[in-house]
C-alpha atoms as a PDB file:
ATOM      1  CA  MET A   1       0.000   0.000   0.000  1.00  0.00           C
ATOM      2  CA  ASN A   2       1.292   3.450  -0.904  1.00  0.00           C
ATOM      3  CA  GLU A   3       1.544   5.916   1.916  1.00  0.00           C
ATOM      4  CA  PRO A   4       0.189   9.445   1.581  1.00  0.00           C
ATOM      5  CA  PHE A   5       2.551  12.342   1.011  1.00  0.00           C
ATOM      6  CA  ILE A   6       1.614  15.661   2.579  1.00  0.00           C
ATOM      7  CA  TYR A   7       3.479  18.887   1.900  1.00  0.00           C
ATOM      8  CA  ILE A   8       3.028  21.976   4.049  1.00  0.00           C
ATOM      9  CA  ALA A   9       4.984  25.175   3.535  1.00  0.00           C
ATOM     10  CA  SER A  10       4.954  28.898   4.152  1.00  0.00           C
ATOM     11  CA  TYR A  11       6.838  31.615   2.348  1.00  0.00           C
ATOM     12  CA  GLN A  12       7.237  35.332   2.916  1.00  0.00           C
ATOM     13  CA  VAL A  13       5.835  37.433   0.059  1.00  0.00           C
ATOM     14  CA  LYS A  14       8.339  39.996  -1.204  1.00  0.00           C
ATOM     15  CA  PRO A  15       7.350  43.607  -0.400  1.00  0.00           C
ATOM     16  CA  GLY A  16       4.995  45.107  -2.968  1.00  0.00           C
ATOM     17  CA  LEU A  17       4.397  41.791  -4.758  1.00  0.00           C
ATOM     18  CA  LEU A  18       1.258  40.500  -3.026  1.00  0.00           C
ATOM     19  CA  ASP A  19      -0.945  41.018  -6.104  1.00  0.00           C
ATOM     20  CA  ALA A  20       1.559  39.202  -8.325  1.00  0.00           C
ATOM     21  CA  ALA A  21       1.807  36.365  -5.785  1.00  0.00           C
ATOM     22  CA  ARG A  22      -1.996  36.091  -5.669  1.00  0.00           C
ATOM     23  CA  ARG A  23      -2.149  35.842  -9.460  1.00  0.00           C
ATOM     24  CA  ARG A  24       0.553  33.190  -9.545  1.00  0.00           C
ATOM     25  CA  VAL A  25      -1.005  30.961  -6.877  1.00  0.00           C
ATOM     26  CA  ARG A  26      -4.401  31.195  -8.588  1.00  0.00           C
ATOM     27  CA  GLU A  27      -2.807  30.182 -11.903  1.00  0.00           C
ATOM     28  CA  ILE A  28      -1.061  27.271 -10.198  1.00  0.00           C
ATOM     29  CA  ALA A  29      -4.259  26.143  -8.453  1.00  0.00           C
ATOM     30  CA  GLU A  30      -6.180  26.194 -11.752  1.00  0.00           C
ATOM     31  CA  LEU A  31      -3.428  24.257 -13.532  1.00  0.00           C
ATOM     32  CA  VAL A  32      -3.209  21.656 -10.764  1.00  0.00           C
ATOM     33  CA  GLU A  33      -6.984  21.229 -10.579  1.00  0.00           C
ATOM     34  CA  GLU A  34      -7.086  20.638 -14.339  1.00  0.00           C
ATOM     35  CA  ARG A  35      -4.053  18.382 -14.732  1.00  0.00           C
ATOM     36  CA  GLU A  36      -3.670  16.521 -11.427  1.00  0.00           C
ATOM     37  CA  PRO A  37      -6.869  14.669 -10.536  1.00  0.00           C
ATOM     38  CA  GLN A  38      -4.937  12.395  -8.161  1.00  0.00           C
ATOM     39  CA  LEU A  39      -4.460  15.133  -5.535  1.00  0.00           C
ATOM     40  CA  SER A  40      -6.771  14.891  -2.529  1.00  0.00           C
ATOM     41  CA  ALA A  41      -6.275  18.541  -1.550  1.00  0.00           C
ATOM     42  CA  PHE A  42      -4.363  21.573  -2.802  1.00  0.00           C
ATOM     43  CA  HIS A  43      -4.779  24.924  -1.031  1.00  0.00           C
ATOM     44  CA  PHE A  44      -3.068  28.294  -0.579  1.00  0.00           C
ATOM     45  CA  PHE A  45      -3.786  30.580   2.378  1.00  0.00           C
ATOM     46  CA  LEU A  46      -2.644  34.092   3.299  1.00  0.00           C
ATOM     47  CA  ASP A  47      -1.834  35.126   6.877  1.00  0.00           C
ATOM     48  CA  GLU A  48      -3.636  37.983   8.642  1.00  0.00           C
ATOM     49  CA  SER A  49      -0.792  40.420   8.024  1.00  0.00           C
ATOM     50  CA  ARG A  50      -1.006  39.549   4.298  1.00  0.00           C
ATOM     51  CA  GLN A  51       2.729  38.916   4.141  1.00  0.00           C
ATOM     52  CA  ARG A  52       3.021  35.134   4.188  1.00  0.00           C
ATOM     53  CA  VAL A  53       1.577  32.435   1.929  1.00  0.00           C
ATOM     54  CA  PHE A  54       0.789  29.027   3.428  1.00  0.00           C
ATOM     55  CA  ILE A  55       0.456  25.940   1.216  1.00  0.00           C
ATOM     56  CA  VAL A  56      -1.146  22.566   1.952  1.00  0.00           C
ATOM     57  CA  GLN A  57      -0.973  19.655  -0.493  1.00  0.00           C
ATOM     58  CA  VAL A  58      -2.310  16.152   0.132  1.00  0.00           C
ATOM     59  CA  HIS A  59      -1.014  13.587  -2.360  1.00  0.00           C
ATOM     60  CA  PRO A  60      -1.890   9.880  -2.501  1.00  0.00           C
ATOM     61  CA  ASP A  61       1.855   9.080  -2.530  1.00  0.00           C
ATOM     62  CA  ALA A  62       5.304  10.579  -3.141  1.00  0.00           C
ATOM     63  CA  ASP A  63       5.123   9.789  -6.873  1.00  0.00           C
ATOM     64  CA  SER A  64       2.201  12.212  -7.071  1.00  0.00           C
ATOM     65  CA  MET A  65       4.435  14.955  -5.629  1.00  0.00           C
ATOM     66  CA  ALA A  66       7.066  14.233  -8.289  1.00  0.00           C
ATOM     67  CA  THR A  67       4.352  14.466 -10.960  1.00  0.00           C
ATOM     68  CA  HIS A  68       3.142  17.714  -9.410  1.00  0.00           C
ATOM     69  CA  MET A  69       6.608  19.233  -9.599  1.00  0.00           C
ATOM     70  CA  ALA A  70       6.808  18.364 -13.299  1.00  0.00           C
ATOM     71  CA  VAL A  71       3.356  19.842 -13.982  1.00  0.00           C
ATOM     72  CA  ILE A  72       4.201  23.166 -12.319  1.00  0.00           C
ATOM     73  CA  ALA A  73       7.865  23.291 -13.409  1.00  0.00           C
ATOM     74  CA  ASP A  74       7.482  26.639 -15.185  1.00  0.00           C
ATOM     75  CA  HIS A  75       5.890  28.182 -12.094  1.00  0.00           C
ATOM     76  CA  LEU A  76       8.532  26.679  -9.801  1.00  0.00           C
ATOM     77  CA  SER A  77      11.324  28.249 -11.813  1.00  0.00           C
ATOM     78  CA  ALA A  78       9.780  31.710 -11.343  1.00  0.00           C
ATOM     79  CA  ALA A  79       8.340  31.301  -7.825  1.00  0.00           C
ATOM     80  CA  TRP A  80      11.177  33.234  -6.255  1.00  0.00           C
ATOM     81  CA  ASP A  81      10.195  36.358  -8.192  1.00  0.00           C
ATOM     82  CA  GLU A  82       7.455  36.971  -5.587  1.00  0.00           C
ATOM     83  CA  LEU A  83       8.499  34.793  -2.645  1.00  0.00           C
ATOM     84  CA  GLU A  84      11.520  34.876  -0.341  1.00  0.00           C
ATOM     85  CA  VAL A  85      13.772  31.817  -0.167  1.00  0.00           C
ATOM     86  CA  ASP A  86      15.085  32.921   3.229  1.00  0.00           C
ATOM     87  CA  GLY A  87      12.687  32.106   6.026  1.00  0.00           C
ATOM     88  CA  ALA A  88      10.807  29.456   4.077  1.00  0.00           C
ATOM     89  CA  GLN A  89       9.236  26.841   6.331  1.00  0.00           C
ATOM     90  CA  ARG A  90       8.692  23.502   4.606  1.00  0.00           C
ATOM     91  CA  ILE A  91       7.472  20.174   5.969  1.00  0.00           C
ATOM     92  CA  ALA A  92       7.133  16.846   4.184  1.00  0.00           C
ATOM     93  CA  CYS A  93       5.048  14.115   5.771  1.00  0.00           C
ATOM     94  CA  GLY A  94       6.203  10.949   4.026  1.00  0.00           C
ATOM     95  CA  THR A  95       9.425  10.233   2.146  1.00  0.00           C
ATOM     96  CA  PRO A  96      10.108  13.063  -0.329  1.00  0.00           C
ATOM     97  CA  PRO A  97      10.635  12.069  -3.969  1.00  0.00           C
ATOM     98  CA  ASP A  98      14.089  12.540  -5.513  1.00  0.00           C
ATOM     99  CA  ALA A  99      12.798  15.389  -7.707  1.00  0.00           C
ATOM    100  CA  MET A 100      11.933  17.364  -4.584  1.00  0.00           C
ATOM    101  CA  LEU A 101      15.296  16.750  -2.931  1.00  0.00           C
ATOM    102  CA  THR A 102      17.122  17.791  -6.106  1.00  0.00           C
ATOM    103  CA  TYR A 103      15.077  21.010  -6.298  1.00  0.00           C
ATOM    104  CA  ASP A 104      15.826  21.736  -2.636  1.00  0.00           C
ATOM    105  CA  LEU A 105      19.561  21.359  -3.205  1.00  0.00           C
ATOM    106  CA  GLU A 106      19.458  23.605  -6.268  1.00  0.00           C
ATOM    107  CA  PHE A 107      17.715  26.437  -4.410  1.00  0.00           C
ATOM    108  CA  GLY A 108      19.275  25.886  -0.979  1.00  0.00           C
ATOM    109  CA  LEU A 109      15.946  25.072   0.664  1.00  0.00           C
ATOM    110  CA  GLU A 110      15.552  23.215   3.937  1.00  0.00           C
ATOM    111  CA  LEU A 111      12.921  20.517   4.299  1.00  0.00           C
ATOM    112  CA  GLU A 112      11.797  19.128   7.636  1.00  0.00           C
ATOM    113  CA  THR A 113      10.742  15.523   7.055  1.00  0.00           C
ATOM    114  CA  TYR A 114       8.520  13.062   8.877  1.00  0.00           C
ATOM    115  CA  PRO A 115       9.065   9.953   6.738  1.00  0.00           C
ATOM    116  CA  THR A 116       7.265   7.324   8.811  1.00  0.00           C
ATOM    117  CA  HIS A 117       3.488   7.129   8.481  1.00  0.00           C
ATOM    118  CA  LEU A 118       2.098   5.728  11.721  1.00  0.00           C
ATOM    119  CA  ALA A 119      -1.661   5.693  11.189  1.00  0.00           C
ATOM    120  CA  GLY A 120      -4.504   7.562   9.575  1.00  0.00           C
ATOM    121  CA  PHE A 121      -6.820   7.703   6.596  1.00  0.00           C
ATOM    122  CA  THR A 122      -7.895   9.956   3.772  1.00  0.00           C
ATOM    123  CA  ARG A 123     -11.573  10.322   3.014  1.00  0.00           C
ATOM    124  CA  GLY A 124     -12.725  10.468  -0.568  1.00  0.00           C
ATOM    125  CA  VAL A 125     -13.985  13.756  -1.910  1.00  0.00           C
ATOM    126  CA  GLU A 126     -16.523  13.848  -4.704  1.00  0.00           C
ATOM    127  CA  ALA A 127     -14.882  15.034  -7.929  1.00  0.00           C
ATOM    128  CA  GLY A 128     -15.532  18.667  -8.649  1.00  0.00           C
ATOM    129  CA  THR A 129     -16.313  19.662  -5.061  1.00  0.00           C
ATOM    130  CA  ARG A 130     -14.599  22.681  -3.645  1.00  0.00           C
ATOM    131  CA  ALA A 131     -14.001  23.563  -0.037  1.00  0.00           C
END
């Protein structure tokens, strides 16, 4: 049985680039919704001070995360136009795929990992439903 892979991260938005960051995350969310039906959940949130973006992704397995990175490759390469690398907080629940580790090395990102799944479940969500 494949174990779920959950990615949680937060990034500081560069000063003056909140509108650009909003546009980018909306574009990414639309692309992911269209091209990655395997994802259980994919959400962006903004903190109260409107300076930090928080991301939650629930994948059925680590292979799904690798696929996700390929799907959004163009957006990943430009993500640092609006977001700060320094101060990024990133957590992987499950064993990260090689593509993610390679990306982290390239951009000098730290990833806190919790590779061992102890227990839990994921409920099905009817296709096309939005939170």
